Amino acid sequence: MRPKLEDLRIKMLEKCFDCFCQNGLENTSTRKLAEACGMTDGNIFHYFASKDEIIIKSTAHCMAKVEDDFMKQAPKDLADIDRFLEEVPYWTAEKHGKQYRFMYQVYASPRYRDYGKAFFQGVDLRYRKYAEQLSPKLGLSADLIQGMTYLFVRACVHYALFEGEDYLQLQLNAIRASLRGIFAESTKEE
């Protein structure tokens, strides 16, 4: 595909995703998507084969961007972990709550479940990459960081979806206790 056309399609996917996030899956018509892109509803299908293609591609593309944005908040070193644990769940809910709600609406649907499986396989690979980048900064194994990332992201997403403060704090306390135990064990070994 020509670069300019691909750039236009990406911008359209992002506008469509924002429209879906505002209106939900059932309440977003082709007309609303086209209006969000500044075109007629017939013209949008010059760029995409179907509404399903828009749903699938916009969700995968935009949620990967959300993940990248999330990981830019990652702790820079051990001293930064407390900031990360304290700030990021609330930042996630404020900045990306609608996106997470829409993503789960899509990927929980039987119609799109296989696309969700494929997306989350990509998540596994991206989290591994993030963990390997953080490992030397934090002095922790990539396996441990990747596992902790899953726990932390789950807590953040749950908070973004439901604003359950008790659930969030229980998860964060479990992560903190785990880290304290790991660091206490590593100082014994030294």
N, C-alpha and C. Protein backbone atom coordinates (compact mmCIF):
# COMPACT_ATOMS: atom_id res chain seq x y z
N MET A 1 0.84 -1.18 0.00
CA MET A 1 0.00 0.00 0.00
C MET A 1 0.89 1.24 0.00
N ARG A 2 0.48 2.26 -0.72
CA ARG A 2 1.25 3.49 -0.81
C ARG A 2 1.34 4.14 0.57
N PRO A 3 2.51 4.74 0.90
CA PRO A 3 2.69 5.33 2.24
C PRO A 3 1.64 6.38 2.60
N LYS A 4 1.29 7.27 1.69
CA LYS A 4 0.31 8.31 2.02
C LYS A 4 -1.07 7.71 2.29
N LEU A 5 -1.43 6.70 1.49
CA LEU A 5 -2.70 6.03 1.70
C LEU A 5 -2.70 5.30 3.05
N GLU A 6 -1.59 4.66 3.38
CA GLU A 6 -1.50 3.96 4.67
C GLU A 6 -1.58 4.96 5.82
N ASP A 7 -0.93 6.10 5.70
CA ASP A 7 -1.01 7.14 6.73
C ASP A 7 -2.45 7.62 6.90
N LEU A 8 -3.15 7.80 5.79
CA LEU A 8 -4.55 8.22 5.85
C LEU A 8 -5.40 7.15 6.53
N ARG A 9 -5.19 5.90 6.19
CA ARG A 9 -5.95 4.81 6.82
C ARG A 9 -5.68 4.77 8.33
N ILE A 10 -4.45 4.99 8.74
CA ILE A 10 -4.13 4.99 10.17
C ILE A 10 -4.85 6.13 10.88
N LYS A 11 -4.84 7.31 10.29
CA LYS A 11 -5.56 8.44 10.89
C LYS A 11 -7.05 8.14 10.98
N MET A 12 -7.58 7.50 9.95
CA MET A 12 -8.99 7.14 9.96
C MET A 12 -9.28 6.10 11.05
N LEU A 13 -8.40 5.11 11.19
CA LEU A 13 -8.58 4.11 12.25
C LEU A 13 -8.61 4.78 13.62
N GLU A 14 -7.73 5.73 13.83
CA GLU A 14 -7.68 6.42 15.12
C GLU A 14 -8.93 7.24 15.36
N LYS A 15 -9.44 7.91 14.33
CA LYS A 15 -10.69 8.67 14.48
C LYS A 15 -11.87 7.74 14.73
N CYS A 16 -11.90 6.62 14.01
CA CYS A 16 -12.97 5.65 14.21
C CYS A 16 -12.92 5.06 15.61
N PHE A 17 -11.72 4.74 16.09
CA PHE A 17 -11.58 4.19 17.43
C PHE A 17 -12.09 5.18 18.47
N ASP A 18 -11.73 6.46 18.32
CA ASP A 18 -12.24 7.48 19.24
C ASP A 18 -13.77 7.53 19.21
N CYS A 19 -14.33 7.42 18.02
CA CYS A 19 -15.78 7.42 17.87
C CYS A 19 -16.40 6.21 18.58
N PHE A 20 -15.82 5.04 18.38
CA PHE A 20 -16.30 3.84 19.08
C PHE A 20 -16.21 4.01 20.59
N CYS A 21 -15.10 4.56 21.07
CA CYS A 21 -14.91 4.73 22.51
C CYS A 21 -15.94 5.68 23.10
N GLN A 22 -16.35 6.67 22.33
CA GLN A 22 -17.36 7.62 22.80
C GLN A 22 -18.77 7.02 22.80
N ASN A 23 -19.06 6.17 21.81
CA ASN A 23 -20.44 5.71 21.61
C ASN A 23 -20.69 4.25 21.92
N GLY A 24 -19.63 3.45 22.02
CA GLY A 24 -19.80 2.02 22.23
C GLY A 24 -19.98 1.29 20.91
N LEU A 25 -19.85 -0.01 20.99
CA LEU A 25 -19.90 -0.86 19.81
C LEU A 25 -21.27 -0.81 19.13
N GLU A 26 -22.33 -0.99 19.90
CA GLU A 26 -23.67 -1.06 19.33
C GLU A 26 -24.18 0.29 18.86
N ASN A 27 -23.73 1.36 19.48
CA ASN A 27 -24.27 2.70 19.18
C ASN A 27 -23.44 3.47 18.17
N THR A 28 -22.48 2.84 17.54
CA THR A 28 -21.65 3.52 16.55
C THR A 28 -22.03 3.02 15.16
N SER A 29 -22.70 3.88 14.45
CA SER A 29 -23.13 3.52 13.09
C SER A 29 -22.01 3.83 12.09
N THR A 30 -22.15 3.28 10.91
CA THR A 30 -21.22 3.59 9.83
C THR A 30 -21.24 5.09 9.56
N ARG A 31 -22.39 5.68 9.63
CA ARG A 31 -22.51 7.13 9.41
C ARG A 31 -21.69 7.91 10.43
N LYS A 32 -21.76 7.51 11.71
CA LYS A 32 -20.96 8.20 12.73
C LYS A 32 -19.47 8.04 12.46
N LEU A 33 -19.06 6.85 12.05
CA LEU A 33 -17.65 6.63 11.74
C LEU A 33 -17.20 7.51 10.58
N ALA A 34 -18.02 7.55 9.54
CA ALA A 34 -17.68 8.37 8.37
C ALA A 34 -17.62 9.85 8.74
N GLU A 35 -18.58 10.30 9.53
CA GLU A 35 -18.57 11.70 9.97
C GLU A 35 -17.31 12.02 10.76
N ALA A 36 -16.90 11.09 11.62
CA ALA A 36 -15.68 11.29 12.41
C ALA A 36 -14.46 11.45 11.50
N CYS A 37 -14.52 10.80 10.34
CA CYS A 37 -13.41 10.86 9.37
C CYS A 37 -13.60 11.98 8.35
N GLY A 38 -14.71 12.71 8.44
CA GLY A 38 -14.96 13.82 7.52
C GLY A 38 -15.36 13.38 6.13
N MET A 39 -16.14 12.29 6.03
CA MET A 39 -16.55 11.80 4.72
C MET A 39 -17.94 11.20 4.81
N THR A 40 -18.45 10.77 3.68
CA THR A 40 -19.76 10.12 3.65
C THR A 40 -19.62 8.65 4.06
N ASP A 41 -20.73 8.07 4.48
CA ASP A 41 -20.67 6.68 4.93
C ASP A 41 -20.36 5.73 3.77
N GLY A 42 -20.70 6.07 2.56
CA GLY A 42 -20.32 5.23 1.43
C GLY A 42 -18.84 5.34 1.10
N ASN A 43 -18.27 6.50 1.32
CA ASN A 43 -16.86 6.72 0.98
C ASN A 43 -15.90 5.99 1.93
N ILE A 44 -16.31 5.77 3.15
CA ILE A 44 -15.42 5.10 4.11
C ILE A 44 -15.06 3.69 3.63
N PHE A 45 -15.98 3.09 2.85
CA PHE A 45 -15.72 1.74 2.37
C PHE A 45 -14.81 1.71 1.13
N HIS A 46 -14.39 2.87 0.71
CA HIS A 46 -13.31 2.94 -0.28
C HIS A 46 -11.99 2.57 0.40
N TYR A 47 -11.91 2.81 1.70
CA TYR A 47 -10.68 2.58 2.47
C TYR A 47 -10.70 1.28 3.27
N PHE A 48 -11.89 0.81 3.61
CA PHE A 48 -12.03 -0.40 4.42
C PHE A 48 -13.13 -1.28 3.82
N ALA A 49 -12.93 -2.59 3.92
CA ALA A 49 -13.87 -3.53 3.31
C ALA A 49 -15.20 -3.61 4.06
N SER A 50 -15.16 -3.38 5.38
CA SER A 50 -16.38 -3.55 6.17
C SER A 50 -16.23 -2.82 7.51
N LYS A 51 -17.35 -2.70 8.19
CA LYS A 51 -17.33 -2.14 9.54
C LYS A 51 -16.52 -3.06 10.47
N ASP A 52 -16.65 -4.38 10.27
CA ASP A 52 -15.86 -5.32 11.07
C ASP A 52 -14.36 -5.06 10.92
N GLU A 53 -13.92 -4.81 9.70
CA GLU A 53 -12.49 -4.51 9.50
C GLU A 53 -12.09 -3.26 10.28
N ILE A 54 -12.94 -2.25 10.28
CA ILE A 54 -12.64 -1.03 11.03
C ILE A 54 -12.54 -1.34 12.52
N ILE A 55 -13.47 -2.12 13.03
CA ILE A 55 -13.47 -2.48 14.46
C ILE A 55 -12.19 -3.23 14.81
N ILE A 56 -11.87 -4.24 14.04
CA ILE A 56 -10.72 -5.09 14.33
C ILE A 56 -9.41 -4.32 14.23
N LYS A 57 -9.23 -3.62 13.14
CA LYS A 57 -7.96 -2.93 12.92
C LYS A 57 -7.80 -1.71 13.82
N SER A 58 -8.88 -0.97 14.04
CA SER A 58 -8.75 0.21 14.90
C SER A 58 -8.47 -0.19 16.35
N THR A 59 -9.10 -1.25 16.81
CA THR A 59 -8.88 -1.69 18.19
C THR A 59 -7.45 -2.18 18.37
N ALA A 60 -6.97 -3.01 17.47
CA ALA A 60 -5.59 -3.52 17.60
C ALA A 60 -4.57 -2.39 17.50
N HIS A 61 -4.72 -1.51 16.53
CA HIS A 61 -3.77 -0.42 16.34
C HIS A 61 -3.76 0.54 17.53
N CYS A 62 -4.93 0.97 17.92
CA CYS A 62 -5.00 1.99 18.97
C CYS A 62 -4.66 1.43 20.36
N MET A 63 -5.01 0.18 20.63
CA MET A 63 -4.66 -0.39 21.93
C MET A 63 -3.16 -0.65 22.03
N ALA A 64 -2.50 -0.96 20.94
CA ALA A 64 -1.04 -1.07 20.97
C ALA A 64 -0.43 0.29 21.30
N LYS A 65 -1.02 1.36 20.78
CA LYS A 65 -0.55 2.72 21.12
C LYS A 65 -0.79 3.02 22.60
N VAL A 66 -1.93 2.57 23.12
CA VAL A 66 -2.22 2.76 24.55
C VAL A 66 -1.17 2.04 25.39
N GLU A 67 -0.83 0.81 24.99
CA GLU A 67 0.21 0.06 25.73
C GLU A 67 1.54 0.81 25.72
N ASP A 68 1.92 1.32 24.56
CA ASP A 68 3.18 2.07 24.47
C ASP A 68 3.13 3.29 25.38
N ASP A 69 2.00 3.97 25.40
CA ASP A 69 1.84 5.14 26.26
C ASP A 69 1.96 4.73 27.73
N PHE A 70 1.35 3.61 28.07
CA PHE A 70 1.41 3.08 29.43
C PHE A 70 2.86 2.78 29.82
N MET A 71 3.57 2.11 28.93
CA MET A 71 4.93 1.70 29.24
C MET A 71 5.91 2.87 29.29
N LYS A 72 5.56 3.99 28.68
CA LYS A 72 6.41 5.19 28.81
C LYS A 72 6.41 5.69 30.26
N GLN A 73 5.43 5.27 31.03
CA GLN A 73 5.33 5.66 32.43
C GLN A 73 6.16 4.75 33.34
N ALA A 74 6.77 3.71 32.77
CA ALA A 74 7.49 2.69 33.54
C ALA A 74 8.54 3.33 34.45
N PRO A 75 8.82 2.68 35.58
CA PRO A 75 9.83 3.22 36.48
C PRO A 75 11.20 3.29 35.82
N LYS A 76 11.92 4.35 36.12
CA LYS A 76 13.26 4.55 35.55
C LYS A 76 14.32 3.79 36.33
N ASP A 77 14.03 3.53 37.61
CA ASP A 77 14.96 2.82 38.48
C ASP A 77 14.18 2.34 39.71
N LEU A 78 14.86 1.69 40.64
CA LEU A 78 14.17 1.16 41.82
C LEU A 78 13.47 2.23 42.63
N ALA A 79 14.10 3.39 42.75
CA ALA A 79 13.51 4.47 43.55
C ALA A 79 12.22 4.99 42.94
N ASP A 80 12.02 4.77 41.65
CA ASP A 80 10.86 5.28 40.94
C ASP A 80 9.66 4.33 40.99
N ILE A 81 9.82 3.15 41.56
CA ILE A 81 8.73 2.17 41.59
C ILE A 81 7.54 2.70 42.39
N ASP A 82 7.79 3.35 43.52
CA ASP A 82 6.68 3.86 44.32
C ASP A 82 5.84 4.87 43.54
N ARG A 83 6.52 5.76 42.82
CA ARG A 83 5.78 6.72 41.99
C ARG A 83 4.92 5.99 40.96
N PHE A 84 5.51 5.02 40.33
CA PHE A 84 4.81 4.24 39.31
C PHE A 84 3.56 3.59 39.89
N LEU A 85 3.70 2.94 41.02
CA LEU A 85 2.56 2.26 41.64
C LEU A 85 1.48 3.23 42.12
N GLU A 86 1.89 4.40 42.58
CA GLU A 86 0.94 5.37 43.11
C GLU A 86 0.20 6.15 42.02
N GLU A 87 0.90 6.54 40.97
CA GLU A 87 0.32 7.44 39.97
C GLU A 87 -0.35 6.75 38.79
N VAL A 88 0.24 5.70 38.31
CA VAL A 88 -0.15 5.15 37.01
C VAL A 88 -1.58 4.58 36.99
N PRO A 89 -2.07 3.94 38.05
CA PRO A 89 -3.46 3.45 37.95
C PRO A 89 -4.47 4.58 37.71
N TYR A 90 -4.27 5.71 38.36
CA TYR A 90 -5.20 6.83 38.21
C TYR A 90 -5.00 7.52 36.86
N TRP A 91 -3.76 7.63 36.45
CA TRP A 91 -3.45 8.18 35.13
C TRP A 91 -4.09 7.30 34.05
N THR A 92 -3.98 5.98 34.19
CA THR A 92 -4.56 5.04 33.23
C THR A 92 -6.07 5.22 33.13
N ALA A 93 -6.73 5.30 34.28
CA ALA A 93 -8.19 5.45 34.28
C ALA A 93 -8.60 6.76 33.61
N GLU A 94 -7.89 7.82 33.93
CA GLU A 94 -8.25 9.13 33.37
C GLU A 94 -7.96 9.20 31.87
N LYS A 95 -6.78 8.76 31.49
CA LYS A 95 -6.35 8.94 30.10
C LYS A 95 -6.87 7.85 29.16
N HIS A 96 -7.00 6.61 29.65
CA HIS A 96 -7.32 5.50 28.75
C HIS A 96 -8.51 4.64 29.18
N GLY A 97 -9.27 5.08 30.15
CA GLY A 97 -10.41 4.29 30.62
C GLY A 97 -11.39 3.93 29.52
N LYS A 98 -11.77 4.91 28.70
CA LYS A 98 -12.73 4.64 27.61
C LYS A 98 -12.16 3.64 26.61
N GLN A 99 -10.86 3.75 26.34
CA GLN A 99 -10.25 2.83 25.38
C GLN A 99 -10.27 1.40 25.91
N TYR A 100 -9.95 1.22 27.19
CA TYR A 100 -9.98 -0.13 27.77
C TYR A 100 -11.40 -0.68 27.79
N ARG A 101 -12.37 0.16 28.13
CA ARG A 101 -13.76 -0.31 28.14
C ARG A 101 -14.18 -0.79 26.75
N PHE A 102 -13.82 -0.02 25.73
CA PHE A 102 -14.19 -0.43 24.37
C PHE A 102 -13.45 -1.70 23.97
N MET A 103 -12.16 -1.77 24.25
CA MET A 103 -11.39 -2.96 23.88
C MET A 103 -12.01 -4.22 24.46
N TYR A 104 -12.38 -4.19 25.74
CA TYR A 104 -12.98 -5.37 26.35
C TYR A 104 -14.36 -5.65 25.78
N GLN A 105 -15.08 -4.62 25.40
CA GLN A 105 -16.38 -4.82 24.75
C GLN A 105 -16.17 -5.58 23.44
N VAL A 106 -15.15 -5.21 22.69
CA VAL A 106 -14.88 -5.87 21.41
C VAL A 106 -14.38 -7.29 21.64
N TYR A 107 -13.31 -7.44 22.39
CA TYR A 107 -12.66 -8.74 22.50
C TYR A 107 -13.43 -9.74 23.35
N ALA A 108 -14.40 -9.28 24.14
CA ALA A 108 -15.25 -10.21 24.88
C ALA A 108 -16.39 -10.73 24.01
N SER A 109 -16.62 -10.09 22.89
CA SER A 109 -17.67 -10.53 21.98
C SER A 109 -17.24 -11.82 21.27
N PRO A 110 -18.12 -12.82 21.21
CA PRO A 110 -17.76 -14.04 20.48
C PRO A 110 -17.35 -13.77 19.03
N ARG A 111 -17.91 -12.75 18.45
CA ARG A 111 -17.61 -12.40 17.07
C ARG A 111 -16.14 -12.01 16.86
N TYR A 112 -15.52 -11.40 17.88
CA TYR A 112 -14.16 -10.88 17.74
C TYR A 112 -13.15 -11.56 18.66
N ARG A 113 -13.59 -12.62 19.33
CA ARG A 113 -12.73 -13.28 20.32
C ARG A 113 -11.40 -13.76 19.72
N ASP A 114 -11.42 -14.33 18.54
CA ASP A 114 -10.17 -14.81 17.93
C ASP A 114 -9.21 -13.65 17.66
N TYR A 115 -9.74 -12.49 17.32
CA TYR A 115 -8.89 -11.31 17.13
C TYR A 115 -8.30 -10.86 18.47
N GLY A 116 -9.08 -11.01 19.53
CA GLY A 116 -8.58 -10.70 20.86
C GLY A 116 -7.45 -11.63 21.25
N LYS A 117 -7.60 -12.91 20.95
CA LYS A 117 -6.52 -13.86 21.24
C LYS A 117 -5.24 -13.46 20.52
N ALA A 118 -5.37 -13.10 19.25
CA ALA A 118 -4.18 -12.68 18.48
C ALA A 118 -3.59 -11.41 19.06
N PHE A 119 -4.45 -10.47 19.45
CA PHE A 119 -3.94 -9.23 20.04
C PHE A 119 -3.16 -9.51 21.32
N PHE A 120 -3.70 -10.36 22.17
CA PHE A 120 -3.04 -10.63 23.44
C PHE A 120 -1.78 -11.48 23.29
N GLN A 121 -1.66 -12.22 22.21
CA GLN A 121 -0.37 -12.86 21.93
C GLN A 121 0.68 -11.79 21.65
N GLY A 122 0.27 -10.75 20.94
CA GLY A 122 1.17 -9.61 20.72
C GLY A 122 1.50 -8.90 22.01
N VAL A 123 0.53 -8.82 22.93
CA VAL A 123 0.77 -8.22 24.24
C VAL A 123 1.88 -8.99 24.95
N ASP A 124 1.81 -10.31 24.90
CA ASP A 124 2.85 -11.13 25.54
C ASP A 124 4.23 -10.76 25.02
N LEU A 125 4.34 -10.62 23.72
CA LEU A 125 5.64 -10.27 23.12
C LEU A 125 6.08 -8.86 23.51
N ARG A 126 5.15 -7.92 23.50
CA ARG A 126 5.49 -6.53 23.86
C ARG A 126 5.88 -6.44 25.34
N TYR A 127 5.16 -7.15 26.21
CA TYR A 127 5.51 -7.11 27.64
C TYR A 127 6.87 -7.73 27.89
N ARG A 128 7.20 -8.76 27.13
CA ARG A 128 8.52 -9.36 27.27
C ARG A 128 9.60 -8.35 26.89
N LYS A 129 9.36 -7.63 25.80
CA LYS A 129 10.31 -6.61 25.35
C LYS A 129 10.46 -5.51 26.42
N TYR A 130 9.34 -5.05 26.98
CA TYR A 130 9.39 -4.03 28.03
C TYR A 130 10.18 -4.56 29.23
N ALA A 131 9.91 -5.80 29.61
CA ALA A 131 10.59 -6.40 30.77
C ALA A 131 12.09 -6.48 30.54
N GLU A 132 12.49 -6.86 29.35
CA GLU A 132 13.92 -6.95 29.04
C GLU A 132 14.57 -5.58 29.06
N GLN A 133 13.84 -4.54 28.67
CA GLN A 133 14.39 -3.19 28.72
C GLN A 133 14.51 -2.69 30.17
N LEU A 134 13.56 -3.07 31.01
CA LEU A 134 13.55 -2.62 32.41
C LEU A 134 14.50 -3.41 33.30
N SER A 135 14.77 -4.65 32.95
CA SER A 135 15.56 -5.53 33.80
C SER A 135 16.89 -4.92 34.27
N PRO A 136 17.72 -4.38 33.38
CA PRO A 136 18.97 -3.81 33.86
C PRO A 136 18.77 -2.54 34.70
N LYS A 137 17.72 -1.80 34.44
CA LYS A 137 17.45 -0.57 35.20
C LYS A 137 17.01 -0.88 36.62
N LEU A 138 16.24 -1.98 36.77
CA LEU A 138 15.67 -2.30 38.08
C LEU A 138 16.46 -3.38 38.81
N GLY A 139 17.34 -4.06 38.11
CA GLY A 139 18.11 -5.12 38.75
C GLY A 139 17.26 -6.33 39.09
N LEU A 140 16.21 -6.54 38.33
CA LEU A 140 15.33 -7.68 38.53
C LEU A 140 15.29 -8.49 37.24
N SER A 141 14.97 -9.76 37.34
CA SER A 141 14.92 -10.60 36.14
C SER A 141 13.75 -10.16 35.24
N ALA A 142 13.93 -10.35 33.96
CA ALA A 142 12.87 -10.02 33.01
C ALA A 142 11.62 -10.85 33.27
N ASP A 143 11.78 -12.11 33.67
CA ASP A 143 10.62 -12.95 33.98
C ASP A 143 9.80 -12.36 35.12
N LEU A 144 10.49 -11.93 36.17
CA LEU A 144 9.80 -11.34 37.31
C LEU A 144 9.10 -10.04 36.91
N ILE A 145 9.79 -9.20 36.17
CA ILE A 145 9.20 -7.93 35.74
C ILE A 145 7.99 -8.18 34.86
N GLN A 146 8.09 -9.13 33.95
CA GLN A 146 6.96 -9.42 33.07
C GLN A 146 5.76 -9.89 33.87
N GLY A 147 5.98 -10.77 34.82
CA GLY A 147 4.88 -11.24 35.67
C GLY A 147 4.27 -10.13 36.50
N MET A 148 5.11 -9.29 37.08
CA MET A 148 4.62 -8.16 37.86
C MET A 148 3.87 -7.16 36.97
N THR A 149 4.33 -7.02 35.74
CA THR A 149 3.65 -6.12 34.81
C THR A 149 2.23 -6.59 34.56
N TYR A 150 2.06 -7.89 34.36
CA TYR A 150 0.71 -8.42 34.16
C TYR A 150 -0.19 -8.11 35.37
N LEU A 151 0.34 -8.33 36.56
CA LEU A 151 -0.45 -8.05 37.76
C LEU A 151 -0.81 -6.57 37.85
N PHE A 152 0.19 -5.73 37.59
CA PHE A 152 -0.03 -4.30 37.70
C PHE A 152 -1.00 -3.80 36.63
N VAL A 153 -0.82 -4.24 35.40
CA VAL A 153 -1.72 -3.80 34.33
C VAL A 153 -3.14 -4.25 34.62
N ARG A 154 -3.28 -5.48 35.11
CA ARG A 154 -4.63 -5.96 35.45
C ARG A 154 -5.27 -5.07 36.50
N ALA A 155 -4.52 -4.70 37.52
CA ALA A 155 -5.05 -3.81 38.55
C ALA A 155 -5.43 -2.45 37.96
N CYS A 156 -4.58 -1.92 37.11
CA CYS A 156 -4.84 -0.62 36.49
C CYS A 156 -6.07 -0.67 35.59
N VAL A 157 -6.17 -1.70 34.79
CA VAL A 157 -7.30 -1.83 33.86
C VAL A 157 -8.60 -2.03 34.64
N HIS A 158 -8.55 -2.87 35.66
CA HIS A 158 -9.75 -3.06 36.48
C HIS A 158 -10.19 -1.74 37.09
N TYR A 159 -9.23 -0.96 37.58
CA TYR A 159 -9.58 0.34 38.13
C TYR A 159 -10.15 1.26 37.04
N ALA A 160 -9.54 1.25 35.86
CA ALA A 160 -10.03 2.08 34.76
C ALA A 160 -11.46 1.68 34.36
N LEU A 161 -11.77 0.39 34.43
CA LEU A 161 -13.09 -0.08 34.05
C LEU A 161 -14.14 0.20 35.12
N PHE A 162 -13.79 -0.05 36.37
CA PHE A 162 -14.80 -0.05 37.43
C PHE A 162 -14.52 0.89 38.60
N GLU A 163 -13.36 1.51 38.63
CA GLU A 163 -12.96 2.42 39.71
C GLU A 163 -13.09 1.78 41.09
N GLY A 164 -12.70 0.52 41.16
CA GLY A 164 -12.75 -0.21 42.42
C GLY A 164 -11.49 0.05 43.23
N GLU A 165 -11.56 1.01 44.11
CA GLU A 165 -10.39 1.43 44.90
C GLU A 165 -9.90 0.30 45.80
N ASP A 166 -10.81 -0.43 46.44
CA ASP A 166 -10.39 -1.53 47.32
C ASP A 166 -9.63 -2.60 46.55
N TYR A 167 -10.15 -3.01 45.40
CA TYR A 167 -9.48 -4.00 44.57
C TYR A 167 -8.10 -3.50 44.17
N LEU A 168 -8.03 -2.25 43.74
CA LEU A 168 -6.76 -1.67 43.32
C LEU A 168 -5.75 -1.71 44.46
N GLN A 169 -6.14 -1.27 45.62
CA GLN A 169 -5.20 -1.20 46.74
C GLN A 169 -4.75 -2.59 47.18
N LEU A 170 -5.65 -3.57 47.16
CA LEU A 170 -5.25 -4.94 47.49
C LEU A 170 -4.21 -5.46 46.50
N GLN A 171 -4.41 -5.19 45.21
CA GLN A 171 -3.44 -5.61 44.19
C GLN A 171 -2.10 -4.90 44.38
N LEU A 172 -2.15 -3.58 44.59
CA LEU A 172 -0.91 -2.82 44.78
C LEU A 172 -0.17 -3.28 46.03
N ASN A 173 -0.90 -3.55 47.09
CA ASN A 173 -0.26 -4.04 48.32
C ASN A 173 0.39 -5.40 48.10
N ALA A 174 -0.25 -6.26 47.32
CA ALA A 174 0.34 -7.57 47.01
C ALA A 174 1.63 -7.39 46.20
N ILE A 175 1.63 -6.48 45.27
CA ILE A 175 2.83 -6.21 44.47
C ILE A 175 3.94 -5.66 45.36
N ARG A 176 3.60 -4.70 46.22
CA ARG A 176 4.60 -4.12 47.13
C ARG A 176 5.18 -5.19 48.06
N ALA A 177 4.33 -6.03 48.63
CA ALA A 177 4.79 -7.08 49.54
C ALA A 177 5.70 -8.06 48.80
N SER A 178 5.33 -8.39 47.58
CA SER A 178 6.16 -9.29 46.78
C SER A 178 7.53 -8.68 46.53
N LEU A 179 7.55 -7.43 46.16
CA LEU A 179 8.83 -6.75 45.90
C LEU A 179 9.68 -6.66 47.16
N ARG A 180 9.05 -6.34 48.29
CA ARG A 180 9.80 -6.30 49.56
C ARG A 180 10.42 -7.65 49.86
N GLY A 181 9.64 -8.72 49.65
CA GLY A 181 10.15 -10.06 49.89
C GLY A 181 11.31 -10.40 48.96
N ILE A 182 11.20 -10.01 47.72
CA ILE A 182 12.27 -10.28 46.74
C ILE A 182 13.53 -9.52 47.12
N PHE A 183 13.37 -8.25 47.50
CA PHE A 183 14.55 -7.46 47.86
C PHE A 183 15.15 -7.92 49.18
N ALA A 184 14.33 -8.35 50.12
CA ALA A 184 14.86 -8.86 51.39
C ALA A 184 15.65 -10.15 51.14
N GLU A 185 15.13 -10.99 50.29
CA GLU A 185 15.80 -12.26 49.94
C GLU A 185 17.12 -11.99 49.24
N SER A 186 17.15 -11.01 48.34
CA SER A 186 18.39 -10.74 47.60
C SER A 186 19.46 -10.13 48.50
N THR A 187 19.07 -9.36 49.52
CA THR A 187 20.07 -8.80 50.43
C THR A 187 20.61 -9.87 51.38
N LYS A 188 19.82 -10.89 51.70
CA LYS A 188 20.31 -12.02 52.50
C LYS A 188 21.38 -12.79 51.76
N GLU A 189 21.15 -12.94 50.44
CA GLU A 189 22.10 -13.71 49.62
C GLU A 189 23.41 -13.00 49.45
N GLU A 190 23.43 -11.68 49.55
CA GLU A 190 24.67 -10.91 49.40
C GLU A 190 25.45 -10.99 50.66
